[in-house]
Amino acid sequence: MTTFNKLSPAEVERLYYLSEELAESIQAIQKVLRHGYESRNPDLENGPTNREHLEEELGQTMLAIALITAAQDLNENDMLIHGERKAKVLHKWMHHQPFELLDDLKD
């Protein structure tokens, strides 16, 4: 069955998974920004800190990206090249980051 976007059901599923994990990562980032890394959900007495929750969500996002690149929906090398290009100009917009962090990414 051909759909209007010419994506297979497997491609759609991987993109849905990626978008879900990206949204959950964004939500976890917002909690860190509002309450700090070491804050916890007050409704979960022994729940994870916001840092731990963000690490979990970003790890799941990384898995979604790995699935997409393993299936060759996107080219991992091309994504790395785009990241390296961004690292070369990112210092223009970053005000509080030591340049050494970006130097390792530019090479």
PDB file of N, CA and C in Angstrom:
ATOM      1  N   MET A   1       0.843  -1.181   0.000  1.00  0.00           N
ATOM      2  CA  MET A   1       0.000   0.000   0.000  1.00  0.00           C
ATOM      3  C   MET A   1       0.890   1.247   0.000  1.00  0.00           C
ATOM      4  N   THR A   2       0.675   2.134  -0.924  1.00  0.00           N
ATOM      5  CA  THR A   2       1.436   3.375  -1.020  1.00  0.00           C
ATOM      6  C   THR A   2       0.635   4.492  -0.363  1.00  0.00           C
ATOM      7  N   THR A   3       1.291   5.227   0.504  1.00  0.00           N
ATOM      8  CA  THR A   3       0.643   6.364   1.148  1.00  0.00           C
ATOM      9  C   THR A   3       1.114   7.648   0.496  1.00  0.00           C
ATOM     10  N   PHE A   4       0.450   8.734   0.809  1.00  0.00           N
ATOM     11  CA  PHE A   4       0.793  10.017   0.194  1.00  0.00           C
ATOM     12  C   PHE A   4       2.238  10.426   0.466  1.00  0.00           C
ATOM     13  N   ASN A   5       2.771  10.023   1.609  1.00  0.00           N
ATOM     14  CA  ASN A   5       4.133  10.424   1.954  1.00  0.00           C
ATOM     15  C   ASN A   5       5.185   9.397   1.540  1.00  0.00           C
ATOM     16  N   LYS A   6       4.743   8.305   0.968  1.00  0.00           N
ATOM     17  CA  LYS A   6       5.615   7.249   0.458  1.00  0.00           C
ATOM     18  C   LYS A   6       6.500   6.628   1.543  1.00  0.00           C
ATOM     19  N   LEU A   7       6.017   6.663   2.794  1.00  0.00           N
ATOM     20  CA  LEU A   7       6.744   6.036   3.899  1.00  0.00           C
ATOM     21  C   LEU A   7       6.146   4.666   4.183  1.00  0.00           C
ATOM     22  N   SER A   8       7.022   3.734   4.510  1.00  0.00           N
ATOM     23  CA  SER A   8       6.546   2.405   4.897  1.00  0.00           C
ATOM     24  C   SER A   8       6.012   2.482   6.329  1.00  0.00           C
ATOM     25  N   PRO A   9       5.204   1.507   6.719  1.00  0.00           N
ATOM     26  CA  PRO A   9       4.744   1.485   8.114  1.00  0.00           C
ATOM     27  C   PRO A   9       5.911   1.465   9.110  1.00  0.00           C
ATOM     28  N   ALA A  10       6.988   0.799   8.770  1.00  0.00           N
ATOM     29  CA  ALA A  10       8.149   0.749   9.661  1.00  0.00           C
ATOM     30  C   ALA A  10       8.806   2.123   9.793  1.00  0.00           C
ATOM     31  N   GLU A  11       8.903   2.860   8.683  1.00  0.00           N
ATOM     32  CA  GLU A  11       9.481   4.206   8.728  1.00  0.00           C
ATOM     33  C   GLU A  11       8.608   5.133   9.567  1.00  0.00           C
ATOM     34  N   VAL A  12       7.309   5.039   9.381  1.00  0.00           N
ATOM     35  CA  VAL A  12       6.375   5.853  10.157  1.00  0.00           C
ATOM     36  C   VAL A  12       6.517   5.541  11.642  1.00  0.00           C
ATOM     37  N   GLU A  13       6.600   4.266  11.964  1.00  0.00           N
ATOM     38  CA  GLU A  13       6.726   3.865  13.359  1.00  0.00           C
ATOM     39  C   GLU A  13       8.002   4.431  13.979  1.00  0.00           C
ATOM     40  N   ARG A  14       9.118   4.377  13.255  1.00  0.00           N
ATOM     41  CA  ARG A  14      10.378   4.915  13.783  1.00  0.00           C
ATOM     42  C   ARG A  14      10.293   6.424  13.975  1.00  0.00           C
ATOM     43  N   LEU A  15       9.664   7.120  13.038  1.00  0.00           N
ATOM     44  CA  LEU A  15       9.531   8.572  13.178  1.00  0.00           C
ATOM     45  C   LEU A  15       8.592   8.939  14.326  1.00  0.00           C
ATOM     46  N   TYR A  16       7.504   8.189  14.492  1.00  0.00           N
ATOM     47  CA  TYR A  16       6.620   8.416  15.640  1.00  0.00           C
ATOM     48  C   TYR A  16       7.385   8.224  16.944  1.00  0.00           C
ATOM     49  N   TYR A  17       8.165   7.164  17.013  1.00  0.00           N
ATOM     50  CA  TYR A  17       8.941   6.895  18.224  1.00  0.00           C
ATOM     51  C   TYR A  17       9.921   8.033  18.486  1.00  0.00           C
ATOM     52  N   LEU A  18      10.619   8.489  17.453  1.00  0.00           N
ATOM     53  CA  LEU A  18      11.551   9.600  17.621  1.00  0.00           C
ATOM     54  C   LEU A  18      10.822  10.853  18.102  1.00  0.00           C
ATOM     55  N   SER A  19       9.702  11.193  17.480  1.00  0.00           N
ATOM     56  CA  SER A  19       8.988  12.413  17.874  1.00  0.00           C
ATOM     57  C   SER A  19       8.482  12.315  19.304  1.00  0.00           C
ATOM     58  N   GLU A  20       8.041  11.139  19.715  1.00  0.00           N
ATOM     59  CA  GLU A  20       7.581  10.938  21.092  1.00  0.00           C
ATOM     60  C   GLU A  20       8.730  11.142  22.075  1.00  0.00           C
ATOM     61  N   GLU A  21       9.877  10.555  21.768  1.00  0.00           N
ATOM     62  CA  GLU A  21      11.020  10.687  22.672  1.00  0.00           C
ATOM     63  C   GLU A  21      11.556  12.115  22.698  1.00  0.00           C
ATOM     64  N   LEU A  22      11.546  12.802  21.556  1.00  0.00           N
ATOM     65  CA  LEU A  22      11.965  14.203  21.535  1.00  0.00           C
ATOM     66  C   LEU A  22      11.034  15.052  22.394  1.00  0.00           C
ATOM     67  N   ALA A  23       9.738  14.817  22.295  1.00  0.00           N
ATOM     68  CA  ALA A  23       8.769  15.576  23.102  1.00  0.00           C
ATOM     69  C   ALA A  23       8.989  15.316  24.592  1.00  0.00           C
ATOM     70  N   GLU A  24       9.242  14.064  24.958  1.00  0.00           N
ATOM     71  CA  GLU A  24       9.486  13.742  26.363  1.00  0.00           C
ATOM     72  C   GLU A  24      10.799  14.354  26.845  1.00  0.00           C
ATOM     73  N   SER A  25      11.801  14.416  25.971  1.00  0.00           N
ATOM     74  CA  SER A  25      13.068  15.070  26.326  1.00  0.00           C
ATOM     75  C   SER A  25      12.843  16.562  26.553  1.00  0.00           C
ATOM     76  N   ILE A  26      12.060  17.184  25.695  1.00  0.00           N
ATOM     77  CA  ILE A  26      11.764  18.609  25.860  1.00  0.00           C
ATOM     78  C   ILE A  26      11.055  18.850  27.189  1.00  0.00           C
ATOM     79  N   GLN A  27      10.114  18.012  27.522  1.00  0.00           N
ATOM     80  CA  GLN A  27       9.400  18.158  28.792  1.00  0.00           C
ATOM     81  C   GLN A  27      10.368  18.016  29.970  1.00  0.00           C
ATOM     82  N   ALA A  28      11.284  17.073  29.901  1.00  0.00           N
ATOM     83  CA  ALA A  28      12.264  16.883  30.974  1.00  0.00           C
ATOM     84  C   ALA A  28      13.198  18.090  31.069  1.00  0.00           C
ATOM     85  N   ILE A  29      13.588  18.667  29.946  1.00  0.00           N
ATOM     86  CA  ILE A  29      14.428  19.867  29.940  1.00  0.00           C
ATOM     87  C   ILE A  29      13.691  21.015  30.619  1.00  0.00           C
ATOM     88  N   GLN A  30      12.406  21.179  30.313  1.00  0.00           N
ATOM     89  CA  GLN A  30      11.629  22.251  30.915  1.00  0.00           C
ATOM     90  C   GLN A  30      11.544  22.111  32.427  1.00  0.00           C
ATOM     91  N   LYS A  31      11.456  20.876  32.922  1.00  0.00           N
ATOM     92  CA  LYS A  31      11.419  20.658  34.373  1.00  0.00           C
ATOM     93  C   LYS A  31      12.747  21.043  35.011  1.00  0.00           C
ATOM     94  N   VAL A  32      13.863  20.725  34.338  1.00  0.00           N
ATOM     95  CA  VAL A  32      15.172  21.141  34.853  1.00  0.00           C
ATOM     96  C   VAL A  32      15.244  22.659  34.896  1.00  0.00           C
ATOM     97  N   LEU A  33      14.811  23.326  33.835  1.00  0.00           N
ATOM     98  CA  LEU A  33      14.871  24.781  33.790  1.00  0.00           C
ATOM     99  C   LEU A  33      13.993  25.421  34.869  1.00  0.00           C
ATOM    100  N   ARG A  34      12.848  24.842  35.143  1.00  0.00           N
ATOM    101  CA  ARG A  34      11.946  25.404  36.160  1.00  0.00           C
ATOM    102  C   ARG A  34      12.394  25.106  37.582  1.00  0.00           C
ATOM    103  N   HIS A  35      12.875  23.887  37.816  1.00  0.00           N
ATOM    104  CA  HIS A  35      13.080  23.440  39.194  1.00  0.00           C
ATOM    105  C   HIS A  35      14.514  23.033  39.531  1.00  0.00           C
ATOM    106  N   GLY A  36      15.403  22.953  38.547  1.00  0.00           N
ATOM    107  CA  GLY A  36      16.784  22.554  38.785  1.00  0.00           C
ATOM    108  C   GLY A  36      17.010  21.073  38.557  1.00  0.00           C
ATOM    109  N   TYR A  37      18.283  20.724  38.436  1.00  0.00           N
ATOM    110  CA  TYR A  37      18.655  19.333  38.168  1.00  0.00           C
ATOM    111  C   TYR A  37      18.304  18.388  39.307  1.00  0.00           C
ATOM    112  N   GLU A  38      18.463  18.840  40.544  1.00  0.00           N
ATOM    113  CA  GLU A  38      18.353  17.906  41.667  1.00  0.00           C
ATOM    114  C   GLU A  38      16.954  17.825  42.261  1.00  0.00           C
ATOM    115  N   SER A  39      16.019  18.593  41.740  1.00  0.00           N
ATOM    116  CA  SER A  39      14.639  18.531  42.205  1.00  0.00           C
ATOM    117  C   SER A  39      14.011  17.204  41.785  1.00  0.00           C
ATOM    118  N   ARG A  40      12.993  16.810  42.539  1.00  0.00           N
ATOM    119  CA  ARG A  40      12.252  15.575  42.231  1.00  0.00           C
ATOM    120  C   ARG A  40      10.761  15.894  42.144  1.00  0.00           C
ATOM    121  N   ASN A  41      10.032  15.054  41.467  1.00  0.00           N
ATOM    122  CA  ASN A  41       8.580  15.168  41.447  1.00  0.00           C
ATOM    123  C   ASN A  41       8.072  14.950  42.870  1.00  0.00           C
ATOM    124  N   PRO A  42       7.377  15.929  43.467  1.00  0.00           N
ATOM    125  CA  PRO A  42       6.933  15.771  44.855  1.00  0.00           C
ATOM    126  C   PRO A  42       5.909  14.654  45.036  1.00  0.00           C
ATOM    127  N   ASP A  43       5.271  14.227  43.979  1.00  0.00           N
ATOM    128  CA  ASP A  43       4.301  13.133  44.077  1.00  0.00           C
ATOM    129  C   ASP A  43       4.968  11.761  44.079  1.00  0.00           C
ATOM    130  N   LEU A  44       6.255  11.716  43.733  1.00  0.00           N
ATOM    131  CA  LEU A  44       6.997  10.448  43.712  1.00  0.00           C
ATOM    132  C   LEU A  44       8.101  10.535  44.757  1.00  0.00           C
ATOM    133  N   GLU A  45       7.837  10.016  45.940  1.00  0.00           N
ATOM    134  CA  GLU A  45       8.745  10.170  47.073  1.00  0.00           C
ATOM    135  C   GLU A  45      10.181   9.764  46.762  1.00  0.00           C
ATOM    136  N   ASN A  46      10.383   8.643  46.139  1.00  0.00           N
ATOM    137  CA  ASN A  46      11.724   8.168  45.808  1.00  0.00           C
ATOM    138  C   ASN A  46      11.966   8.170  44.305  1.00  0.00           C
ATOM    139  N   GLY A  47      11.286   9.055  43.609  1.00  0.00           N
ATOM    140  CA  GLY A  47      11.428   9.116  42.163  1.00  0.00           C
ATOM    141  C   GLY A  47      12.775   9.692  41.759  1.00  0.00           C
ATOM    142  N   PRO A  48      13.045   9.667  40.479  1.00  0.00           N
ATOM    143  CA  PRO A  48      14.330  10.157  39.979  1.00  0.00           C
ATOM    144  C   PRO A  48      14.435  11.682  40.108  1.00  0.00           C
ATOM    145  N   THR A  49      15.669  12.157  40.181  1.00  0.00           N
ATOM    146  CA  THR A  49      15.874  13.596  40.107  1.00  0.00           C
ATOM    147  C   THR A  49      15.583  14.048  38.678  1.00  0.00           C
ATOM    148  N   ASN A  50      15.443  15.337  38.497  1.00  0.00           N
ATOM    149  CA  ASN A  50      15.238  15.843  37.136  1.00  0.00           C
ATOM    150  C   ASN A  50      16.418  15.510  36.243  1.00  0.00           C
ATOM    151  N   ARG A  51      17.630  15.499  36.815  1.00  0.00           N
ATOM    152  CA  ARG A  51      18.814  15.113  36.040  1.00  0.00           C
ATOM    153  C   ARG A  51      18.690  13.664  35.560  1.00  0.00           C
ATOM    154  N   GLU A  52      18.328  12.769  36.469  1.00  0.00           N
ATOM    155  CA  GLU A  52      18.188  11.356  36.116  1.00  0.00           C
ATOM    156  C   GLU A  52      17.078  11.158  35.075  1.00  0.00           C
ATOM    157  N   HIS A  53      15.991  11.896  35.246  1.00  0.00           N
ATOM    158  CA  HIS A  53      14.887  11.784  34.292  1.00  0.00           C
ATOM    159  C   HIS A  53      15.308  12.285  32.907  1.00  0.00           C
ATOM    160  N   LEU A  54      16.051  13.392  32.866  1.00  0.00           N
ATOM    161  CA  LEU A  54      16.538  13.905  31.583  1.00  0.00           C
ATOM    162  C   LEU A  54      17.511  12.925  30.944  1.00  0.00           C
ATOM    163  N   GLU A  55      18.388  12.338  31.738  1.00  0.00           N
ATOM    164  CA  GLU A  55      19.311  11.328  31.199  1.00  0.00           C
ATOM    165  C   GLU A  55      18.543  10.157  30.593  1.00  0.00           C
ATOM    166  N   GLU A  56      17.495   9.728  31.270  1.00  0.00           N
ATOM    167  CA  GLU A  56      16.675   8.625  30.762  1.00  0.00           C
ATOM    168  C   GLU A  56      16.025   9.000  29.429  1.00  0.00           C
ATOM    169  N   GLU A  57      15.424  10.186  29.386  1.00  0.00           N
ATOM    170  CA  GLU A  57      14.729  10.594  28.168  1.00  0.00           C
ATOM    171  C   GLU A  57      15.701  10.804  27.006  1.00  0.00           C
ATOM    172  N   LEU A  58      16.854  11.409  27.280  1.00  0.00           N
ATOM    173  CA  LEU A  58      17.835  11.601  26.209  1.00  0.00           C
ATOM    174  C   LEU A  58      18.401  10.267  25.743  1.00  0.00           C
ATOM    175  N   GLY A  59      18.576   9.321  26.657  1.00  0.00           N
ATOM    176  CA  GLY A  59      19.022   7.981  26.271  1.00  0.00           C
ATOM    177  C   GLY A  59      18.015   7.312  25.348  1.00  0.00           C
ATOM    178  N   GLN A  60      16.725   7.489  25.635  1.00  0.00           N
ATOM    179  CA  GLN A  60      15.693   6.914  24.781  1.00  0.00           C
ATOM    180  C   GLN A  60      15.639   7.634  23.436  1.00  0.00           C
ATOM    181  N   THR A  61      15.919   8.938  23.439  1.00  0.00           N
ATOM    182  CA  THR A  61      16.003   9.677  22.181  1.00  0.00           C
ATOM    183  C   THR A  61      17.172   9.159  21.356  1.00  0.00           C
ATOM    184  N   MET A  62      18.298   8.901  22.010  1.00  0.00           N
ATOM    185  CA  MET A  62      19.459   8.360  21.301  1.00  0.00           C
ATOM    186  C   MET A  62      19.130   6.993  20.694  1.00  0.00           C
ATOM    187  N   LEU A  63      18.361   6.184  21.414  1.00  0.00           N
ATOM    188  CA  LEU A  63      17.940   4.891  20.874  1.00  0.00           C
ATOM    189  C   LEU A  63      17.088   5.088  19.628  1.00  0.00           C
ATOM    190  N   ALA A  64      16.157   6.034  19.666  1.00  0.00           N
ATOM    191  CA  ALA A  64      15.308   6.293  18.506  1.00  0.00           C
ATOM    192  C   ALA A  64      16.150   6.714  17.305  1.00  0.00           C
ATOM    193  N   ILE A  65      17.154   7.547  17.536  1.00  0.00           N
ATOM    194  CA  ILE A  65      18.050   7.958  16.453  1.00  0.00           C
ATOM    195  C   ILE A  65      18.839   6.762  15.940  1.00  0.00           C
ATOM    196  N   ALA A  66      19.297   5.922  16.847  1.00  0.00           N
ATOM    197  CA  ALA A  66      20.045   4.726  16.436  1.00  0.00           C
ATOM    198  C   ALA A  66      19.181   3.799  15.582  1.00  0.00           C
ATOM    199  N   LEU A  67      17.907   3.657  15.926  1.00  0.00           N
ATOM    200  CA  LEU A  67      17.015   2.818  15.117  1.00  0.00           C
ATOM    201  C   LEU A  67      16.857   3.382  13.709  1.00  0.00           C
ATOM    202  N   ILE A  68      16.721   4.691  13.628  1.00  0.00           N
ATOM    203  CA  ILE A  68      16.544   5.345  12.325  1.00  0.00           C
ATOM    204  C   ILE A  68      17.804   5.219  11.466  1.00  0.00           C
ATOM    205  N   THR A  69      18.962   5.360  12.086  1.00  0.00           N
ATOM    206  CA  THR A  69      20.195   5.246  11.304  1.00  0.00           C
ATOM    207  C   THR A  69      20.496   3.779  10.973  1.00  0.00           C
ATOM    208  N   ALA A  70      20.187   2.862  11.882  1.00  0.00           N
ATOM    209  CA  ALA A  70      20.407   1.439  11.595  1.00  0.00           C
ATOM    210  C   ALA A  70      19.534   0.982  10.431  1.00  0.00           C
ATOM    211  N   ALA A  71      18.336   1.539  10.346  1.00  0.00           N
ATOM    212  CA  ALA A  71      17.435   1.188   9.248  1.00  0.00           C
ATOM    213  C   ALA A  71      17.775   1.958   7.973  1.00  0.00           C
ATOM    214  N   GLN A  72      18.736   2.842   8.055  1.00  0.00           N
ATOM    215  CA  GLN A  72      19.200   3.662   6.932  1.00  0.00           C
ATOM    216  C   GLN A  72      18.121   4.610   6.407  1.00  0.00           C
ATOM    217  N   ASP A  73      17.222   5.026   7.318  1.00  0.00           N
ATOM    218  CA  ASP A  73      16.273   6.084   6.959  1.00  0.00           C
ATOM    219  C   ASP A  73      17.045   7.393   6.792  1.00  0.00           C
ATOM    220  N   LEU A  74      18.002   7.606   7.680  1.00  0.00           N
ATOM    221  CA  LEU A  74      18.871   8.782   7.655  1.00  0.00           C
ATOM    222  C   LEU A  74      20.314   8.307   7.744  1.00  0.00           C
ATOM    223  N   ASN A  75      21.207   9.110   7.216  1.00  0.00           N
ATOM    224  CA  ASN A  75      22.621   8.760   7.203  1.00  0.00           C
ATOM    225  C   ASN A  75      23.317   9.359   8.423  1.00  0.00           C
ATOM    226  N   GLU A  76      23.829   8.486   9.275  1.00  0.00           N
ATOM    227  CA  GLU A  76      24.473   8.940  10.513  1.00  0.00           C
ATOM    228  C   GLU A  76      25.677   9.832  10.220  1.00  0.00           C
ATOM    229  N   ASN A  77      26.470   9.482   9.225  1.00  0.00           N
ATOM    230  CA  ASN A  77      27.639  10.286   8.883  1.00  0.00           C
ATOM    231  C   ASN A  77      27.229  11.688   8.443  1.00  0.00           C
ATOM    232  N   ASP A  78      26.179  11.778   7.650  1.00  0.00           N
ATOM    233  CA  ASP A  78      25.691  13.099   7.231  1.00  0.00           C
ATOM    234  C   ASP A  78      25.218  13.914   8.434  1.00  0.00           C
ATOM    235  N   MET A  79      24.563  13.256   9.378  1.00  0.00           N
ATOM    236  CA  MET A  79      24.112  13.969  10.587  1.00  0.00           C
ATOM    237  C   MET A  79      25.314  14.485  11.371  1.00  0.00           C
ATOM    238  N   LEU A  80      26.367  13.683  11.464  1.00  0.00           N
ATOM    239  CA  LEU A  80      27.578  14.113  12.170  1.00  0.00           C
ATOM    240  C   LEU A  80      28.229  15.302  11.465  1.00  0.00           C
ATOM    241  N   ILE A  81      28.245  15.277  10.150  1.00  0.00           N
ATOM    242  CA  ILE A  81      28.804  16.396   9.380  1.00  0.00           C
ATOM    243  C   ILE A  81      28.017  17.673   9.662  1.00  0.00           C
ATOM    244  N   HIS A  82      26.688  17.572   9.698  1.00  0.00           N
ATOM    245  CA  HIS A  82      25.862  18.743   9.999  1.00  0.00           C
ATOM    246  C   HIS A  82      26.147  19.256  11.415  1.00  0.00           C
ATOM    247  N   GLY A  83      26.356  18.344  12.346  1.00  0.00           N
ATOM    248  CA  GLY A  83      26.698  18.738  13.711  1.00  0.00           C
ATOM    249  C   GLY A  83      28.036  19.444  13.781  1.00  0.00           C
ATOM    250  N   GLU A  84      29.009  18.933  13.039  1.00  0.00           N
ATOM    251  CA  GLU A  84      30.337  19.573  13.008  1.00  0.00           C
ATOM    252  C   GLU A  84      30.256  20.974  12.407  1.00  0.00           C
ATOM    253  N   ARG A  85      29.449  21.131  11.366  1.00  0.00           N
ATOM    254  CA  ARG A  85      29.270  22.466  10.771  1.00  0.00           C
ATOM    255  C   ARG A  85      28.672  23.433  11.783  1.00  0.00           C
ATOM    256  N   LYS A  86      27.688  22.966  12.526  1.00  0.00           N
ATOM    257  CA  LYS A  86      27.047  23.818  13.535  1.00  0.00           C
ATOM    258  C   LYS A  86      28.044  24.175  14.631  1.00  0.00           C
ATOM    259  N   ALA A  87      28.882  23.221  15.024  1.00  0.00           N
ATOM    260  CA  ALA A  87      29.870  23.480  16.077  1.00  0.00           C
ATOM    261  C   ALA A  87      30.824  24.601  15.691  1.00  0.00           C
ATOM    262  N   LYS A  88      31.089  24.747  14.403  1.00  0.00           N
ATOM    263  CA  LYS A  88      32.019  25.784  13.939  1.00  0.00           C
ATOM    264  C   LYS A  88      31.459  27.192  14.103  1.00  0.00           C
ATOM    265  N   VAL A  89      30.145  27.337  14.148  1.00  0.00           N
ATOM    266  CA  VAL A  89      29.544  28.668  14.260  1.00  0.00           C
ATOM    267  C   VAL A  89      28.766  28.867  15.559  1.00  0.00           C
ATOM    268  N   LEU A  90      28.634  27.834  16.350  1.00  0.00           N
ATOM    269  CA  LEU A  90      27.814  27.903  17.552  1.00  0.00           C
ATOM    270  C   LEU A  90      28.304  28.949  18.541  1.00  0.00           C
ATOM    271  N   HIS A  91      29.602  29.186  18.580  1.00  0.00           N
ATOM    272  CA  HIS A  91      30.154  30.154  19.532  1.00  0.00           C
ATOM    273  C   HIS A  91      29.555  31.548  19.359  1.00  0.00           C
ATOM    274  N   LYS A  92      29.019  31.839  18.184  1.00  0.00           N
ATOM    275  CA  LYS A  92      28.398  33.144  17.943  1.00  0.00           C
ATOM    276  C   LYS A  92      27.158  33.346  18.810  1.00  0.00           C
ATOM    277  N   TRP A  93      26.481  32.257  19.155  1.00  0.00           N
ATOM    278  CA  TRP A  93      25.228  32.350  19.894  1.00  0.00           C
ATOM    279  C   TRP A  93      25.321  31.847  21.328  1.00  0.00           C
ATOM    280  N   MET A  94      26.405  31.206  21.678  1.00  0.00           N
ATOM    281  CA  MET A  94      26.572  30.692  23.038  1.00  0.00           C
ATOM    282  C   MET A  94      27.332  31.727  23.859  1.00  0.00           C
ATOM    283  N   HIS A  95      26.766  32.125  24.968  1.00  0.00           N
ATOM    284  CA  HIS A  95      27.353  33.191  25.762  1.00  0.00           C
ATOM    285  C   HIS A  95      28.087  32.691  27.012  1.00  0.00           C
ATOM    286  N   HIS A  96      27.787  31.488  27.441  1.00  0.00           N
ATOM    287  CA  HIS A  96      28.303  31.028  28.730  1.00  0.00           C
ATOM    288  C   HIS A  96      29.050  29.706  28.644  1.00  0.00           C
ATOM    289  N   GLN A  97      29.384  29.264  27.449  1.00  0.00           N
ATOM    290  CA  GLN A  97      30.058  27.981  27.295  1.00  0.00           C
ATOM    291  C   GLN A  97      31.541  28.193  27.029  1.00  0.00           C
ATOM    292  N   PRO A  98      32.382  27.434  27.714  1.00  0.00           N
ATOM    293  CA  PRO A  98      33.812  27.537  27.399  1.00  0.00           C
ATOM    294  C   PRO A  98      34.066  27.025  25.987  1.00  0.00           C
ATOM    295  N   PHE A  99      34.889  27.752  25.253  1.00  0.00           N
ATOM    296  CA  PHE A  99      35.144  27.392  23.858  1.00  0.00           C
ATOM    297  C   PHE A  99      35.791  26.027  23.732  1.00  0.00           C
ATOM    298  N   GLU A 100      36.459  25.540  24.775  1.00  0.00           N
ATOM    299  CA  GLU A 100      37.105  24.229  24.698  1.00  0.00           C
ATOM    300  C   GLU A 100      36.069  23.132  24.448  1.00  0.00           C
ATOM    301  N   LEU A 101      34.864  23.286  24.982  1.00  0.00           N
ATOM    302  CA  LEU A 101      33.823  22.282  24.751  1.00  0.00           C
ATOM    303  C   LEU A 101      33.489  22.184  23.269  1.00  0.00           C
ATOM    304  N   LEU A 102      33.450  23.315  22.615  1.00  0.00           N
ATOM    305  CA  LEU A 102      33.126  23.334  21.181  1.00  0.00           C
ATOM    306  C   LEU A 102      34.304  22.914  20.326  1.00  0.00           C
ATOM    307  N   ASP A 103      35.524  23.175  20.797  1.00  0.00           N
ATOM    308  CA  ASP A 103      36.720  22.813  20.006  1.00  0.00           C
ATOM    309  C   ASP A 103      36.771  21.317  19.745  1.00  0.00           C
ATOM    310  N   ASP A 104      36.399  20.507  20.738  1.00  0.00           N
ATOM    311  CA  ASP A 104      36.414  19.063  20.545  1.00  0.00           C
ATOM    312  C   ASP A 104      35.381  18.628  19.509  1.00  0.00           C
ATOM    313  N   LEU A 105      34.300  19.377  19.377  1.00  0.00           N
ATOM    314  CA  LEU A 105      33.246  19.016  18.428  1.00  0.00           C
ATOM    315  C   LEU A 105      33.572  19.446  17.003  1.00  0.00           C
ATOM    316  N   LYS A 106      34.422  20.434  16.841  1.00  0.00           N
ATOM    317  CA  LYS A 106      34.703  20.981  15.514  1.00  0.00           C
ATOM    318  C   LYS A 106      35.642  20.110  14.698  1.00  0.00           C
ATOM    319  N   ASP A 107      36.432  19.291  15.343  1.00  0.00           N
ATOM    320  CA  ASP A 107      37.444  18.510  14.625  1.00  0.00           C
ATOM    321  C   ASP A 107      36.895  17.281  13.956  1.00  0.00           C
TER     322      ASP A 107
END
